Amino acid sequence: MRFIKKTNIDFFGKRRIWYTLSTCMVIIGVISVLFGGMDYGIDFKGGTEIVIAFKERVDIGSIRNALAKVGLGKSEIKTFGSESNILIRTSEQAEGTIIGDKIKTAIKNASPNQRFEVLKEDKIGPKIGQELRRDALYAVLWSILAMLIYIAFRFKFAYGLGATVALVHDVFATFGFLSIANRIIPGLNIEITQEVLAAFLTLVGVSVNDTVIIFDRIRENEKIYRSMPLEQIMNKSINDTLSRTLITSGTILLVLFVLLFFGGEVLRGFALTLTFGLITGTYSSIYIASAFVLDWTEFRSRKKAQIAPVS
């Protein structure tokens, strides 16, 4: 059963407009990151993080006052999953579990009748956080390079280059979106954590998978319609795979929406990153990767035509 009937959309007729839109989106995102910065989780900046479960709802203000008395008033304090679970995060550094013990003691002294349980306690040194940031960057860069090599061998170099440009576009656009969303949506508090890094790596794989499907259909149609211009072949190929693309992306988005709205604080960053990235990746497979291949191929053909008479 086909939910979307066969289409005949001219995807490349106004590709310059989409180039401009994508360029603006990436530039705005980069400016937001450069001037507004991005919040890193404890995984990447170091510090101590504790999740405490109270038997009943607790006032965050009272916890902040208790921590201020022991010199930890600048700690980040917020609910975690439910109103009775509190996440406390501080960038203060000390040997061993000194900071964690100080937090627990301060809360116990401030509310001796309030029973609580420590659900999670993590401590990461600043050097380890710096190494994790570096390794995370390498992981994304190596994954993009691996995709370039794979597609260049499976198809042609131009296809690999187009897919790589689309992937870089997706990563920059999504990173910029997180930076902007953090500043315009109150209480969002998205941080760059290992979960968000996993979302970026998943985005690379999902985006390339959609691009490869389109490229594979283009290669098949080039063999069948040898006399047809490349732009028409590419338009036909994308129209042929459009139903599959929308249904696949749509089903993944349904799952991500469930995680985004019902997955709690822990999965919010992962779900939001992958939701925007999936939309951007689906768009870029058509208007960035495929359009780049078309323009690159036409450019190479014109260069050969100019050289031919001379030789």
Protein backbone atom coordinates (compact mmCIF):
# COMPACT_ATOMS: atom_id res chain seq x y z
CA MET A 1 0.00 0.00 0.00
CA ARG A 2 1.40 3.40 -1.00
CA PHE A 3 0.58 6.27 1.34
CA ILE A 4 2.13 8.77 -1.08
CA LYS A 5 1.28 8.55 -4.75
CA LYS A 6 3.93 8.89 -7.45
CA THR A 7 5.12 12.48 -7.62
CA ASN A 8 6.73 14.62 -10.30
CA ILE A 9 8.38 17.43 -8.33
CA ASP A 10 11.14 19.59 -9.79
CA PHE A 11 13.60 19.49 -6.88
CA PHE A 12 16.51 21.19 -8.61
CA GLY A 13 14.83 24.02 -10.49
CA LYS A 14 15.30 26.43 -7.56
CA ARG A 15 18.24 24.80 -5.84
CA ARG A 16 20.05 28.15 -5.53
CA ILE A 17 17.36 29.27 -3.09
CA TRP A 18 17.92 26.16 -0.98
CA TYR A 19 21.68 26.71 -1.09
CA THR A 20 21.14 30.22 0.25
CA LEU A 21 18.75 29.01 2.96
CA SER A 22 21.17 26.31 4.11
CA THR A 23 24.12 28.71 4.12
CA CYS A 24 22.20 31.23 6.23
CA MET A 25 21.08 28.50 8.64
CA VAL A 26 24.65 27.27 9.15
CA ILE A 27 26.10 30.80 9.51
CA ILE A 28 23.48 31.80 12.10
CA GLY A 29 24.17 28.60 14.03
CA VAL A 30 27.94 29.14 13.96
CA ILE A 31 27.54 32.74 15.14
CA SER A 32 25.33 31.54 18.00
CA VAL A 33 27.93 28.98 19.06
CA LEU A 34 30.89 31.38 18.75
CA PHE A 35 29.29 34.27 20.65
CA GLY A 36 26.76 32.49 22.85
CA GLY A 37 28.75 29.37 23.54
CA MET A 38 27.39 25.93 24.29
CA ASP A 39 26.76 24.29 27.62
CA TYR A 40 28.81 21.16 28.23
CA GLY A 41 27.70 18.41 30.56
CA ILE A 42 29.89 17.11 33.31
CA ASP A 43 31.23 14.48 30.90
CA PHE A 44 33.10 17.17 28.96
CA LYS A 45 33.96 19.88 31.47
CA GLY A 46 34.61 17.97 34.69
CA GLY A 47 33.10 18.32 38.13
CA THR A 48 30.70 16.42 40.37
CA GLU A 49 27.13 15.41 39.62
CA ILE A 50 24.70 13.88 42.08
CA VAL A 51 21.09 12.77 41.61
CA ILE A 52 19.18 12.60 44.90
CA ALA A 53 15.72 11.07 45.34
CA PHE A 54 13.70 12.52 48.22
CA LYS A 55 10.71 10.76 49.74
CA GLU A 56 8.55 13.79 48.99
CA ARG A 57 8.70 17.00 46.99
CA VAL A 58 11.49 19.33 48.10
CA ASP A 59 12.07 23.06 47.63
CA ILE A 60 15.03 23.76 45.34
CA GLY A 61 15.57 27.11 47.07
CA SER A 62 16.22 25.43 50.42
CA ILE A 63 18.78 23.11 48.81
CA ARG A 64 20.53 26.08 47.20
CA ASN A 65 20.71 27.86 50.57
CA ALA A 66 22.16 24.75 52.19
CA LEU A 67 24.86 24.44 49.53
CA ALA A 68 25.64 28.17 49.71
CA LYS A 69 26.61 27.73 53.38
CA VAL A 70 29.39 25.30 52.37
CA GLY A 71 30.64 27.39 49.44
CA LEU A 72 28.70 25.60 46.67
CA GLY A 73 26.05 28.25 46.03
CA LYS A 74 26.86 28.41 42.31
CA SER A 75 25.95 24.76 41.77
CA GLU A 76 23.35 23.90 39.13
CA ILE A 77 20.24 22.50 40.81
CA LYS A 78 17.15 21.22 38.96
CA THR A 79 14.50 18.54 39.06
CA PHE A 80 15.39 15.26 37.41
CA GLY A 81 12.54 13.22 35.99
CA SER A 82 10.10 13.98 38.85
CA GLU A 83 9.53 16.77 41.39
CA SER A 84 11.10 14.69 44.18
CA ASN A 85 14.30 13.87 42.29
CA ILE A 86 16.96 16.58 42.29
CA LEU A 87 20.08 16.82 40.12
CA ILE A 88 22.97 18.79 41.61
CA ARG A 89 25.97 19.62 39.43
CA THR A 90 29.03 21.66 40.30
CA SER A 91 32.31 22.32 38.52
CA GLU A 92 34.19 22.56 41.84
CA GLN A 93 37.16 20.19 41.97
CA ALA A 94 38.64 18.32 44.94
CA GLU A 95 40.32 15.03 45.70
CA GLY A 96 38.23 11.87 45.79
CA THR A 97 34.59 12.25 46.83
CA ILE A 98 35.09 15.37 48.96
CA ILE A 99 32.67 17.52 46.93
CA GLY A 100 30.00 14.79 46.82
CA ASP A 101 30.29 14.19 50.55
CA LYS A 102 30.08 17.94 51.22
CA ILE A 103 26.83 18.17 49.19
CA LYS A 104 25.21 15.24 51.00
CA THR A 105 26.28 16.51 54.41
CA ALA A 106 24.97 20.02 53.68
CA ILE A 107 21.55 18.69 52.67
CA LYS A 108 21.40 16.36 55.67
CA ASN A 109 22.27 19.16 58.12
CA ALA A 110 19.78 21.57 56.55
CA SER A 111 16.88 19.06 56.59
CA PRO A 112 17.61 16.37 59.19
CA ASN A 113 14.05 15.02 58.96
CA GLN A 114 14.07 14.83 55.15
CA ARG A 115 14.99 11.31 54.04
CA PHE A 116 16.76 10.92 50.71
CA GLU A 117 18.62 8.39 48.60
CA VAL A 118 21.54 8.99 46.25
CA LEU A 119 20.59 7.54 42.84
CA LYS A 120 23.76 8.51 41.00
CA GLU A 121 27.07 10.16 41.81
CA ASP A 122 29.68 10.95 39.17
CA LYS A 123 32.98 12.76 39.36
CA ILE A 124 35.12 13.66 36.35
CA GLY A 125 38.39 15.56 36.47
CA PRO A 126 39.01 18.56 34.17
CA LYS A 127 41.77 16.74 32.26
CA ILE A 128 39.49 13.80 31.51
CA GLY A 129 36.74 16.20 30.43
CA GLN A 130 39.15 17.91 28.02
CA GLU A 131 40.21 14.53 26.60
CA LEU A 132 36.57 13.52 26.14
CA ARG A 133 35.83 16.75 24.23
CA ARG A 134 38.77 16.08 21.94
CA ASP A 135 37.80 12.44 21.41
CA ALA A 136 34.19 13.42 20.69
CA LEU A 137 35.34 15.82 17.96
CA TYR A 138 37.58 13.13 16.48
CA ALA A 139 34.73 10.61 16.54
CA VAL A 140 32.48 12.88 14.46
CA LEU A 141 35.26 13.84 12.03
CA TRP A 142 36.41 10.25 11.50
CA SER A 143 32.85 9.08 10.93
CA ILE A 144 32.34 11.74 8.24
CA LEU A 145 35.67 10.80 6.60
CA ALA A 146 34.71 7.12 6.64
CA MET A 147 31.44 7.94 4.89
CA LEU A 148 33.32 9.96 2.24
CA ILE A 149 35.61 7.02 1.47
CA TYR A 150 32.75 4.50 1.44
CA ILE A 151 30.52 6.47 -0.94
CA ALA A 152 33.45 7.51 -3.17
CA PHE A 153 34.33 3.82 -3.68
CA ARG A 154 30.74 2.65 -4.06
CA PHE A 155 29.73 5.41 -6.48
CA LYS A 156 31.98 8.20 -7.73
CA PHE A 157 34.17 10.77 -6.01
CA ALA A 158 31.62 13.52 -6.71
CA TYR A 159 28.95 11.52 -4.87
CA GLY A 160 31.22 11.02 -1.88
CA LEU A 161 32.05 14.72 -1.82
CA GLY A 162 28.36 15.66 -2.05
CA ALA A 163 27.46 13.32 0.83
CA THR A 164 30.29 14.77 2.93
CA VAL A 165 29.18 18.35 2.31
CA ALA A 166 25.65 17.34 3.35
CA LEU A 167 26.93 15.66 6.54
CA VAL A 168 29.00 18.69 7.53
CA HIS A 169 25.92 20.83 6.87
CA ASP A 170 23.78 18.56 9.09
CA VAL A 171 26.25 18.58 11.99
CA PHE A 172 26.82 22.35 11.93
CA ALA A 173 23.11 23.13 11.48
CA THR A 174 22.08 20.82 14.33
CA PHE A 175 24.80 22.10 16.66
CA GLY A 176 23.75 25.66 15.91
CA PHE A 177 20.10 24.77 16.49
CA LEU A 178 20.91 23.43 19.97
CA SER A 179 22.80 26.61 20.81
CA ILE A 180 19.92 28.85 19.66
CA ALA A 181 17.19 26.69 21.22
CA ASN A 182 18.95 26.78 24.58
CA ARG A 183 18.68 30.56 24.60
CA ILE A 184 15.17 31.12 23.31
CA ILE A 185 13.32 28.22 25.00
CA PRO A 186 13.08 28.70 28.79
CA GLY A 187 14.04 25.69 30.88
CA LEU A 188 15.33 23.60 27.96
CA ASN A 189 18.84 23.18 29.44
CA ILE A 190 20.30 21.05 26.65
CA GLU A 191 23.96 20.24 27.27
CA ILE A 192 26.59 18.50 25.17
CA THR A 193 26.82 15.11 26.85
CA GLN A 194 27.73 11.60 25.74
CA GLU A 195 24.05 11.03 24.92
CA VAL A 196 24.01 14.07 22.62
CA LEU A 197 27.26 12.89 21.03
CA ALA A 198 25.58 9.53 20.38
CA ALA A 199 22.73 11.42 18.69
CA PHE A 200 25.21 13.19 16.37
CA LEU A 201 26.86 9.91 15.39
CA THR A 202 23.43 8.35 14.81
CA LEU A 203 22.53 11.37 12.69
CA VAL A 204 25.59 10.78 10.49
CA GLY A 205 24.54 7.17 9.89
CA VAL A 206 20.86 7.90 9.25
CA SER A 207 21.59 10.83 6.92
CA VAL A 208 24.08 8.82 4.86
CA ASN A 209 21.68 5.89 4.62
CA ASP A 210 19.02 8.11 3.06
CA THR A 211 21.60 9.67 0.73
CA VAL A 212 22.87 6.26 -0.41
CA ILE A 213 19.31 5.14 -1.25
CA ILE A 214 18.89 8.17 -3.53
CA PHE A 215 22.34 7.78 -5.09
CA ASP A 216 21.68 4.09 -5.76
CA ARG A 217 18.46 4.91 -7.60
CA ILE A 218 20.27 7.61 -9.62
CA ARG A 219 22.89 5.07 -10.69
CA GLU A 220 20.19 2.59 -11.74
CA ASN A 221 18.30 5.22 -13.75
CA GLU A 222 21.49 6.40 -15.46
CA LYS A 223 21.84 2.91 -16.95
CA ILE A 224 18.19 2.76 -18.01
CA TYR A 225 17.71 6.32 -19.35
CA ARG A 226 21.06 6.89 -21.08
CA SER A 227 19.83 9.72 -23.31
CA MET A 228 18.07 11.62 -20.51
CA PRO A 229 19.85 14.71 -19.05
CA LEU A 230 21.35 14.17 -15.59
CA GLU A 231 19.06 16.73 -13.92
CA GLN A 232 15.96 14.89 -15.15
CA ILE A 233 17.41 11.55 -14.05
CA MET A 234 18.12 12.90 -10.57
CA ASN A 235 14.67 14.48 -10.29
CA LYS A 236 13.07 11.20 -11.34
CA SER A 237 15.20 9.22 -8.90
CA ILE A 238 14.28 11.41 -5.94
CA ASN A 239 10.60 11.29 -6.87
CA ASP A 240 10.86 7.49 -7.07
CA THR A 241 12.32 7.24 -3.55
CA LEU A 242 10.32 10.09 -1.99
CA SER A 243 7.60 7.84 -0.58
CA ARG A 244 10.16 5.54 1.05
CA THR A 245 12.11 8.51 2.45
CA LEU A 246 9.10 10.21 4.03
CA ILE A 247 7.65 7.02 5.51
CA THR A 248 11.00 5.93 6.98
CA SER A 249 11.80 9.36 8.41
CA GLY A 250 8.22 9.75 9.63
CA THR A 251 8.26 6.50 11.61
CA ILE A 252 11.58 7.42 13.23
CA LEU A 253 10.21 10.87 14.10
CA LEU A 254 7.20 9.30 15.83
CA VAL A 255 9.53 7.38 18.13
CA LEU A 256 11.67 10.46 18.75
CA PHE A 257 8.61 12.54 19.65
CA VAL A 258 7.67 9.94 22.27
CA LEU A 259 11.20 10.10 23.71
CA LEU A 260 11.19 13.90 23.57
CA PHE A 261 7.93 14.40 25.46
CA PHE A 262 7.83 11.31 27.68
CA GLY A 263 11.47 10.21 27.96
CA GLY A 264 12.31 12.57 30.80
CA GLU A 265 15.29 14.81 31.43
CA VAL A 266 17.90 12.16 30.62
CA LEU A 267 16.75 11.49 27.03
CA ARG A 268 15.64 15.01 26.12
CA GLY A 269 18.97 16.10 24.67
CA PHE A 270 19.35 12.92 22.62
CA ALA A 271 15.78 13.07 21.29
CA LEU A 272 15.84 16.79 20.42
CA THR A 273 19.22 16.54 18.69
CA LEU A 274 18.22 13.56 16.60
CA THR A 275 14.77 15.00 15.80
CA PHE A 276 16.16 18.18 14.29
CA GLY A 277 19.07 16.28 12.74
CA LEU A 278 16.75 13.78 11.06
CA ILE A 279 14.69 16.57 9.49
CA THR A 280 17.87 18.35 8.35
CA GLY A 281 19.41 15.09 7.11
CA THR A 282 16.35 14.20 5.02
CA TYR A 283 16.35 17.70 3.52
CA SER A 284 20.10 17.71 2.85
CA SER A 285 20.05 14.35 1.05
CA ILE A 286 18.04 16.07 -1.67
CA TYR A 287 18.94 19.75 -1.64
CA ILE A 288 22.59 19.51 -0.57
CA ALA A 289 24.09 16.12 -1.46
CA SER A 290 22.20 15.49 -4.70
CA ALA A 291 22.22 19.13 -5.79
CA PHE A 292 25.97 19.35 -5.15
CA VAL A 293 26.59 16.26 -7.31
CA LEU A 294 24.52 17.79 -10.12
CA ASP A 295 26.34 21.13 -10.03
CA TRP A 296 29.76 19.46 -9.70
CA THR A 297 29.08 17.17 -12.67
CA GLU A 298 27.82 20.03 -14.82
CA PHE A 299 30.85 22.13 -13.84
CA ARG A 300 33.23 19.32 -14.83
CA SER A 301 31.41 18.86 -18.14
CA ARG A 302 31.75 22.55 -18.96
CA LYS A 303 35.46 22.48 -18.13
CA LYS A 304 35.99 19.51 -20.42
CA ALA A 305 34.03 21.23 -23.20
CA GLN A 306 36.25 24.31 -22.91
CA ILE A 307 39.47 22.27 -23.02
CA ALA A 308 38.44 19.96 -25.87
CA PRO A 309 38.78 22.49 -28.77
CA VAL A 310 42.26 23.55 -27.57
CA SER A 311 43.63 20.03 -27.56
